[in-house]
Amino acid sequence: MSTIYGPVPSWRLGKSLGFDLITKDKVCSFDCVYCQLGCTKEKSVKRAIFVDTELVKLDLSEALDALEEGDVDFITFSGMGESTLASNLDEAIEVVRAITDLPITILTNASLLHLKEVQITLSKLDKVITKLDAPNSELLRKINKPHASISIDDILNGLKGFRRAYAGEFELQMMFINENKGCAEDLARIAAAIKPERVDINTPLRPCSVEPLSREQINRIKNINETPQFDFN
């Protein structure tokens, strides 16, 4: 199975060539109720090698050889689970850097961002896109259903600590559903303390087990984030 997918159109990244360092049944530290990939097959916080780094090199070289200049805007680490679980992520980034000068990003749930080695690895990326759906432990358990060892404090401390040291572009995504729609102000305050360049407000639009919020509800949440004391977009 190839570690590469796409390029796929992305409203925030243009044409994104995806890198999946898991490539097996979904392995993640979360089991989010809205995940389009379905239930997490293996919930874990143990970092491991799922894909040999040499395969990363081979797949990327073959993919880029088959594409024309301008077909890809970003290399994106994402896929069947949480990419920071791949303990050879650092090596994979170095492989990509050696092959192409395209900018590199990652989509991460921030559950391992409190780990120093993860912070060091992600600091090598041009853009880091994290997420935060819950302002407290109760909603974290209800919406994201994390591994038992993950705490909201670790996630928030990881986000804040990484942001302070990171020189690249840092974005924060929030997925709103019925369970957390009343917490928009609390999440906006947390985001203001983290200081991302951008906060993206989302609701599930792809098939999953929960209903999306209405356009009116999402616009109301966006308005909260655009008030002067928050104002990220």
C-alpha atoms as a PDB file:
ATOM      1  CA  MET A   1       0.000   0.000   0.000  1.00  0.00           C
ATOM      2  CA  SER A   2       1.339   3.417  -0.973  1.00  0.00           C
ATOM      3  CA  THR A   3       2.039   6.014   1.687  1.00  0.00           C
ATOM      4  CA  ILE A   4       0.953   8.741  -0.771  1.00  0.00           C
ATOM      5  CA  TYR A   5      -2.540   9.916  -1.711  1.00  0.00           C
ATOM      6  CA  GLY A   6      -3.731  12.789  -3.873  1.00  0.00           C
ATOM      7  CA  PRO A   7      -3.072  15.486  -4.753  1.00  0.00           C
ATOM      8  CA  VAL A   8      -6.414  16.454  -3.264  1.00  0.00           C
ATOM      9  CA  PRO A   9      -7.947  19.942  -3.393  1.00  0.00           C
ATOM     10  CA  SER A  10      -7.849  21.719  -0.039  1.00  0.00           C
ATOM     11  CA  TRP A  11      -9.437  25.083   0.662  1.00  0.00           C
ATOM     12  CA  ARG A  12      -6.606  25.960   3.056  1.00  0.00           C
ATOM     13  CA  LEU A  13      -3.624  24.294   1.344  1.00  0.00           C
ATOM     14  CA  GLY A  14      -4.417  24.390  -2.379  1.00  0.00           C
ATOM     15  CA  LYS A  15      -3.358  21.109  -4.023  1.00  0.00           C
ATOM     16  CA  SER A  16      -2.219  18.860  -1.205  1.00  0.00           C
ATOM     17  CA  LEU A  17      -0.193  15.681  -1.667  1.00  0.00           C
ATOM     18  CA  GLY A  18      -0.967  13.559   1.364  1.00  0.00           C
ATOM     19  CA  PHE A  19       1.483  11.399   3.281  1.00  0.00           C
ATOM     20  CA  ASP A  20       0.057   8.580   5.414  1.00  0.00           C
ATOM     21  CA  LEU A  21       2.613   7.173   7.858  1.00  0.00           C
ATOM     22  CA  ILE A  22       0.032   4.803   9.389  1.00  0.00           C
ATOM     23  CA  THR A  23      -1.437   3.086   6.257  1.00  0.00           C
ATOM     24  CA  LYS A  24      -3.298   0.412   8.216  1.00  0.00           C
ATOM     25  CA  ASP A  25      -6.598   0.216  10.031  1.00  0.00           C
ATOM     26  CA  LYS A  26      -7.084   3.499  11.849  1.00  0.00           C
ATOM     27  CA  VAL A  27      -4.558   3.967  14.667  1.00  0.00           C
ATOM     28  CA  CYS A  28      -5.171   7.115  16.676  1.00  0.00           C
ATOM     29  CA  SER A  29      -4.998   8.571  20.160  1.00  0.00           C
ATOM     30  CA  PHE A  30      -8.584   9.812  19.694  1.00  0.00           C
ATOM     31  CA  ASP A  31     -11.841   8.242  18.552  1.00  0.00           C
ATOM     32  CA  CYS A  32     -13.718  11.422  17.584  1.00  0.00           C
ATOM     33  CA  VAL A  33     -17.460  11.037  17.161  1.00  0.00           C
ATOM     34  CA  TYR A  34     -17.373  13.006  13.892  1.00  0.00           C
ATOM     35  CA  CYS A  35     -14.382  11.268  12.235  1.00  0.00           C
ATOM     36  CA  GLN A  36     -15.038  10.443   8.587  1.00  0.00           C
ATOM     37  CA  LEU A  37     -12.708   7.431   8.888  1.00  0.00           C
ATOM     38  CA  GLY A  38     -15.073   5.742  11.341  1.00  0.00           C
ATOM     39  CA  CYS A  39     -14.180   4.161  14.653  1.00  0.00           C
ATOM     40  CA  THR A  40     -10.575   3.934  15.787  1.00  0.00           C
ATOM     41  CA  LYS A  41      -9.394   0.345  15.388  1.00  0.00           C
ATOM     42  CA  GLU A  42      -6.449   0.819  17.731  1.00  0.00           C
ATOM     43  CA  LYS A  43      -6.461   3.623  20.288  1.00  0.00           C
ATOM     44  CA  SER A  44      -2.871   4.283  21.296  1.00  0.00           C
ATOM     45  CA  VAL A  45      -0.359   6.856  22.509  1.00  0.00           C
ATOM     46  CA  LYS A  46       2.619   4.579  21.865  1.00  0.00           C
ATOM     47  CA  ARG A  47       4.869   5.917  19.126  1.00  0.00           C
ATOM     48  CA  ALA A  48       6.003   3.267  16.659  1.00  0.00           C
ATOM     49  CA  ILE A  49       7.166   2.746  13.094  1.00  0.00           C
ATOM     50  CA  PHE A  50       4.223   1.755  10.911  1.00  0.00           C
ATOM     51  CA  VAL A  51       5.882   2.449   7.551  1.00  0.00           C
ATOM     52  CA  ASP A  52       9.567   2.022   6.728  1.00  0.00           C
ATOM     53  CA  THR A  53      11.266   5.325   5.947  1.00  0.00           C
ATOM     54  CA  GLU A  54      12.722   3.899   2.728  1.00  0.00           C
ATOM     55  CA  LEU A  55       9.171   3.339   1.460  1.00  0.00           C
ATOM     56  CA  VAL A  56       8.460   7.015   2.141  1.00  0.00           C
ATOM     57  CA  LYS A  57      11.409   7.957  -0.063  1.00  0.00           C
ATOM     58  CA  LEU A  58      10.368   5.578  -2.844  1.00  0.00           C
ATOM     59  CA  ASP A  59       6.690   6.570  -2.843  1.00  0.00           C
ATOM     60  CA  LEU A  60       7.379  10.300  -2.848  1.00  0.00           C
ATOM     61  CA  SER A  61       9.938  10.064  -5.652  1.00  0.00           C
ATOM     62  CA  GLU A  62       7.538   8.026  -7.804  1.00  0.00           C
ATOM     63  CA  ALA A  63       4.611  10.349  -7.078  1.00  0.00           C
ATOM     64  CA  LEU A  64       6.525  13.517  -7.941  1.00  0.00           C
ATOM     65  CA  ASP A  65       7.935  11.941 -11.121  1.00  0.00           C
ATOM     66  CA  ALA A  66       4.369  11.277 -12.277  1.00  0.00           C
ATOM     67  CA  LEU A  67       3.187  14.830 -11.594  1.00  0.00           C
ATOM     68  CA  GLU A  68       3.726  18.059 -13.478  1.00  0.00           C
ATOM     69  CA  GLU A  69       5.199  21.223 -11.990  1.00  0.00           C
ATOM     70  CA  GLY A  70       2.408  23.122 -10.275  1.00  0.00           C
ATOM     71  CA  ASP A  71       0.345  20.007  -9.531  1.00  0.00           C
ATOM     72  CA  VAL A  72       1.223  20.172  -5.813  1.00  0.00           C
ATOM     73  CA  ASP A  73       1.234  23.155  -3.443  1.00  0.00           C
ATOM     74  CA  PHE A  74       1.828  21.353  -0.129  1.00  0.00           C
ATOM     75  CA  ILE A  75       3.062  18.042   1.217  1.00  0.00           C
ATOM     76  CA  THR A  76       0.711  17.116   4.074  1.00  0.00           C
ATOM     77  CA  PHE A  77       1.254  14.469   6.756  1.00  0.00           C
ATOM     78  CA  SER A  78      -2.183  13.053   7.499  1.00  0.00           C
ATOM     79  CA  GLY A  79      -4.103   9.847   6.812  1.00  0.00           C
ATOM     80  CA  MET A  80      -5.373   6.819   8.756  1.00  0.00           C
ATOM     81  CA  GLY A  81      -4.902   8.173  12.267  1.00  0.00           C
ATOM     82  CA  GLU A  82      -2.630  10.485  14.227  1.00  0.00           C
ATOM     83  CA  SER A  83       0.589  11.151  12.304  1.00  0.00           C
ATOM     84  CA  THR A  84       2.641  12.033  15.397  1.00  0.00           C
ATOM     85  CA  LEU A  85       2.276   8.401  16.501  1.00  0.00           C
ATOM     86  CA  ALA A  86       4.812   7.567  13.777  1.00  0.00           C
ATOM     87  CA  SER A  87       8.147   7.562  15.582  1.00  0.00           C
ATOM     88  CA  ASN A  88       9.980   8.008  12.256  1.00  0.00           C
ATOM     89  CA  LEU A  89       8.075  11.190  11.416  1.00  0.00           C
ATOM     90  CA  ASP A  90      11.277  13.180  11.905  1.00  0.00           C
ATOM     91  CA  GLU A  91      13.123  10.957   9.426  1.00  0.00           C
ATOM     92  CA  ALA A  92      10.234  11.185   6.966  1.00  0.00           C
ATOM     93  CA  ILE A  93      10.350  14.984   7.084  1.00  0.00           C
ATOM     94  CA  GLU A  94      14.084  14.884   6.345  1.00  0.00           C
ATOM     95  CA  VAL A  95      13.431  12.575   3.380  1.00  0.00           C
ATOM     96  CA  VAL A  96      10.839  14.966   1.973  1.00  0.00           C
ATOM     97  CA  ARG A  97      13.205  17.933   2.430  1.00  0.00           C
ATOM     98  CA  ALA A  98      15.928  16.080   0.516  1.00  0.00           C
ATOM     99  CA  ILE A  99      13.621  15.351  -2.443  1.00  0.00           C
ATOM    100  CA  THR A 100      11.573  18.534  -2.838  1.00  0.00           C
ATOM    101  CA  ASP A 101      11.454  22.135  -1.708  1.00  0.00           C
ATOM    102  CA  LEU A 102       7.641  22.083  -1.500  1.00  0.00           C
ATOM    103  CA  PRO A 103       6.329  23.356   1.847  1.00  0.00           C
ATOM    104  CA  ILE A 104       5.359  20.689   4.384  1.00  0.00           C
ATOM    105  CA  THR A 105       2.523  20.659   6.898  1.00  0.00           C
ATOM    106  CA  ILE A 106       0.795  18.243   9.267  1.00  0.00           C
ATOM    107  CA  LEU A 107      -2.737  17.739  10.517  1.00  0.00           C
ATOM    108  CA  THR A 108      -2.538  16.715  14.176  1.00  0.00           C
ATOM    109  CA  ASN A 109      -4.955  16.393  17.078  1.00  0.00           C
ATOM    110  CA  ALA A 110      -2.266  17.809  19.432  1.00  0.00           C
ATOM    111  CA  SER A 111      -2.569  14.887  21.861  1.00  0.00           C
ATOM    112  CA  LEU A 112       1.199  14.254  21.830  1.00  0.00           C
ATOM    113  CA  LEU A 113       2.273  17.864  21.455  1.00  0.00           C
ATOM    114  CA  HIS A 114       3.316  18.050  25.117  1.00  0.00           C
ATOM    115  CA  LEU A 115       6.158  15.619  24.318  1.00  0.00           C
ATOM    116  CA  LYS A 116       9.456  17.394  23.701  1.00  0.00           C
ATOM    117  CA  GLU A 117      10.478  15.070  20.879  1.00  0.00           C
ATOM    118  CA  VAL A 118       7.209  15.737  19.061  1.00  0.00           C
ATOM    119  CA  GLN A 119       7.631  19.496  19.461  1.00  0.00           C
ATOM    120  CA  ILE A 120      11.170  19.301  18.048  1.00  0.00           C
ATOM    121  CA  THR A 121       9.969  17.271  15.061  1.00  0.00           C
ATOM    122  CA  LEU A 122       7.018  19.526  14.239  1.00  0.00           C
ATOM    123  CA  SER A 123       9.204  22.619  14.528  1.00  0.00           C
ATOM    124  CA  LYS A 124      10.820  21.515  11.244  1.00  0.00           C
ATOM    125  CA  LEU A 125       7.551  21.977   9.325  1.00  0.00           C
ATOM    126  CA  ASP A 126       6.463  25.090   7.436  1.00  0.00           C
ATOM    127  CA  LYS A 127       2.923  24.941   8.806  1.00  0.00           C
ATOM    128  CA  VAL A 128       1.331  23.063  11.696  1.00  0.00           C
ATOM    129  CA  ILE A 129      -2.438  22.604  11.776  1.00  0.00           C
ATOM    130  CA  THR A 130      -3.751  21.385  15.125  1.00  0.00           C
ATOM    131  CA  LYS A 131      -7.234  21.029  16.509  1.00  0.00           C
ATOM    132  CA  LEU A 132      -9.107  21.745  19.698  1.00  0.00           C
ATOM    133  CA  ASP A 133     -12.774  20.840  20.098  1.00  0.00           C
ATOM    134  CA  ALA A 134     -13.187  20.873  23.871  1.00  0.00           C
ATOM    135  CA  PRO A 135     -12.413  23.378  26.634  1.00  0.00           C
ATOM    136  CA  ASN A 136     -12.626  20.815  29.449  1.00  0.00           C
ATOM    137  CA  SER A 137     -12.162  17.147  30.300  1.00  0.00           C
ATOM    138  CA  GLU A 138     -15.842  16.271  30.144  1.00  0.00           C
ATOM    139  CA  LEU A 139     -16.283  17.437  26.567  1.00  0.00           C
ATOM    140  CA  LEU A 140     -12.920  16.008  25.537  1.00  0.00           C
ATOM    141  CA  ARG A 141     -14.124  12.569  26.635  1.00  0.00           C
ATOM    142  CA  LYS A 142     -17.530  13.036  25.017  1.00  0.00           C
ATOM    143  CA  ILE A 143     -16.408  14.413  21.632  1.00  0.00           C
ATOM    144  CA  ASN A 144     -12.853  13.162  21.077  1.00  0.00           C
ATOM    145  CA  LYS A 145     -12.948   9.998  23.225  1.00  0.00           C
ATOM    146  CA  PRO A 146      -9.171  10.048  23.835  1.00  0.00           C
ATOM    147  CA  HIS A 147      -6.862   7.339  25.096  1.00  0.00           C
ATOM    148  CA  ALA A 148      -7.211   7.061  28.872  1.00  0.00           C
ATOM    149  CA  SER A 149      -3.759   8.582  29.475  1.00  0.00           C
ATOM    150  CA  ILE A 150      -4.545  11.851  27.638  1.00  0.00           C
ATOM    151  CA  SER A 151      -5.637  14.873  29.680  1.00  0.00           C
ATOM    152  CA  ILE A 152      -6.981  18.237  28.611  1.00  0.00           C
ATOM    153  CA  ASP A 153      -4.146  19.879  30.572  1.00  0.00           C
ATOM    154  CA  ASP A 154      -1.511  18.007  28.536  1.00  0.00           C
ATOM    155  CA  ILE A 155      -3.204  19.093  25.305  1.00  0.00           C
ATOM    156  CA  LEU A 156      -3.488  22.756  26.315  1.00  0.00           C
ATOM    157  CA  ASN A 157       0.031  22.904  27.739  1.00  0.00           C
ATOM    158  CA  GLY A 158       1.364  21.263  24.590  1.00  0.00           C
ATOM    159  CA  LEU A 159      -0.425  23.736  22.323  1.00  0.00           C
ATOM    160  CA  LYS A 160       0.747  26.770  24.284  1.00  0.00           C
ATOM    161  CA  GLY A 161       4.311  25.539  24.755  1.00  0.00           C
ATOM    162  CA  PHE A 162       4.755  24.585  21.123  1.00  0.00           C
ATOM    163  CA  ARG A 163       3.260  27.841  19.883  1.00  0.00           C
ATOM    164  CA  ARG A 164       5.665  29.928  21.962  1.00  0.00           C
ATOM    165  CA  ALA A 165       8.701  28.295  20.360  1.00  0.00           C
ATOM    166  CA  TYR A 166       7.428  27.642  16.834  1.00  0.00           C
ATOM    167  CA  ALA A 167       8.586  30.001  14.077  1.00  0.00           C
ATOM    168  CA  GLY A 168       6.314  28.663  11.312  1.00  0.00           C
ATOM    169  CA  GLU A 169       2.645  29.222  10.559  1.00  0.00           C
ATOM    170  CA  PHE A 170       0.370  27.823  13.255  1.00  0.00           C
ATOM    171  CA  GLU A 171      -3.347  27.174  12.719  1.00  0.00           C
ATOM    172  CA  LEU A 172      -6.027  25.882  15.050  1.00  0.00           C
ATOM    173  CA  GLN A 173      -9.154  24.032  13.906  1.00  0.00           C
ATOM    174  CA  MET A 174     -12.320  23.660  15.933  1.00  0.00           C
ATOM    175  CA  MET A 175     -15.092  21.225  15.028  1.00  0.00           C
ATOM    176  CA  PHE A 176     -18.474  22.268  16.407  1.00  0.00           C
ATOM    177  CA  ILE A 177     -21.371  19.885  16.972  1.00  0.00           C
ATOM    178  CA  ASN A 178     -24.345  19.968  19.332  1.00  0.00           C
ATOM    179  CA  GLU A 179     -22.236  18.908  22.325  1.00  0.00           C
ATOM    180  CA  ASN A 180     -19.848  21.881  22.227  1.00  0.00           C
ATOM    181  CA  LYS A 181     -21.813  24.582  20.409  1.00  0.00           C
ATOM    182  CA  GLY A 182     -22.397  26.397  23.723  1.00  0.00           C
ATOM    183  CA  CYS A 183     -18.653  26.556  24.464  1.00  0.00           C
ATOM    184  CA  ALA A 184     -17.608  28.885  21.647  1.00  0.00           C
ATOM    185  CA  GLU A 185     -16.571  31.692  23.999  1.00  0.00           C
ATOM    186  CA  ASP A 186     -14.566  29.355  26.232  1.00  0.00           C
ATOM    187  CA  LEU A 187     -12.750  27.928  23.195  1.00  0.00           C
ATOM    188  CA  ALA A 188     -12.149  31.417  21.807  1.00  0.00           C
ATOM    189  CA  ARG A 189     -10.536  32.465  25.101  1.00  0.00           C
ATOM    190  CA  ILE A 190      -8.260  29.429  24.998  1.00  0.00           C
ATOM    191  CA  ALA A 191      -7.353  30.166  21.388  1.00  0.00           C
ATOM    192  CA  ALA A 192      -6.562  33.780  22.304  1.00  0.00           C
ATOM    193  CA  ALA A 193      -4.084  32.489  24.888  1.00  0.00           C
ATOM    194  CA  ILE A 194      -2.482  30.126  22.337  1.00  0.00           C
ATOM    195  CA  LYS A 195      -2.204  32.905  19.713  1.00  0.00           C
ATOM    196  CA  PRO A 196      -2.502  31.008  16.407  1.00  0.00           C
ATOM    197  CA  GLU A 197      -2.326  32.903  13.132  1.00  0.00           C
ATOM    198  CA  ARG A 198      -5.746  31.555  12.269  1.00  0.00           C
ATOM    199  CA  VAL A 199      -8.676  29.693  13.808  1.00  0.00           C
ATOM    200  CA  ASP A 200     -10.908  27.676  11.467  1.00  0.00           C
ATOM    201  CA  ILE A 201     -14.479  27.031  12.585  1.00  0.00           C
ATOM    202  CA  ASN A 202     -15.904  23.789  11.180  1.00  0.00           C
ATOM    203  CA  THR A 203     -18.875  21.462  11.473  1.00  0.00           C
ATOM    204  CA  PRO A 204     -19.029  17.902  10.033  1.00  0.00           C
ATOM    205  CA  LEU A 205     -19.962  18.002   6.348  1.00  0.00           C
ATOM    206  CA  ARG A 206     -18.749  14.541   5.352  1.00  0.00           C
ATOM    207  CA  PRO A 207     -20.670  11.355   6.286  1.00  0.00           C
ATOM    208  CA  CYS A 208     -20.277  10.527   9.976  1.00  0.00           C
ATOM    209  CA  SER A 209     -22.359   9.583  13.015  1.00  0.00           C
ATOM    210  CA  VAL A 210     -23.291  13.150  14.086  1.00  0.00           C
ATOM    211  CA  GLU A 211     -25.318  15.918  12.483  1.00  0.00           C
ATOM    212  CA  PRO A 212     -23.684  19.192  11.400  1.00  0.00           C
ATOM    213  CA  LEU A 213     -24.755  22.505  12.859  1.00  0.00           C
ATOM    214  CA  SER A 214     -26.822  24.850  10.738  1.00  0.00           C
ATOM    215  CA  ARG A 215     -25.247  27.704   8.794  1.00  0.00           C
ATOM    216  CA  GLU A 216     -26.884  30.125  11.209  1.00  0.00           C
ATOM    217  CA  GLN A 217     -25.350  28.369  14.226  1.00  0.00           C
ATOM    218  CA  ILE A 218     -21.894  28.323  12.636  1.00  0.00           C
ATOM    219  CA  ASN A 219     -22.125  31.993  11.693  1.00  0.00           C
ATOM    220  CA  ARG A 220     -23.004  32.817  15.296  1.00  0.00           C
ATOM    221  CA  ILE A 221     -19.897  30.941  16.485  1.00  0.00           C
ATOM    222  CA  LYS A 222     -17.739  32.676  13.880  1.00  0.00           C
ATOM    223  CA  ASN A 223     -19.023  36.033  15.071  1.00  0.00           C
ATOM    224  CA  ILE A 224     -17.819  35.231  18.589  1.00  0.00           C
ATOM    225  CA  ASN A 225     -14.323  34.489  17.253  1.00  0.00           C
ATOM    226  CA  GLU A 226     -14.325  37.712  15.235  1.00  0.00           C
ATOM    227  CA  THR A 227     -15.053  40.000  18.170  1.00  0.00           C
ATOM    228  CA  PRO A 228     -12.178  42.382  18.993  1.00  0.00           C
ATOM    229  CA  GLN A 229     -10.916  40.444  22.026  1.00  0.00           C
ATOM    230  CA  PHE A 230     -10.547  37.246  19.948  1.00  0.00           C
ATOM    231  CA  ASP A 231     -10.496  38.139  16.209  1.00  0.00           C
ATOM    232  CA  PHE A 232      -8.449  35.370  14.546  1.00  0.00           C
ATOM    233  CA  ASN A 233      -9.848  35.157  10.993  1.00  0.00           C
END
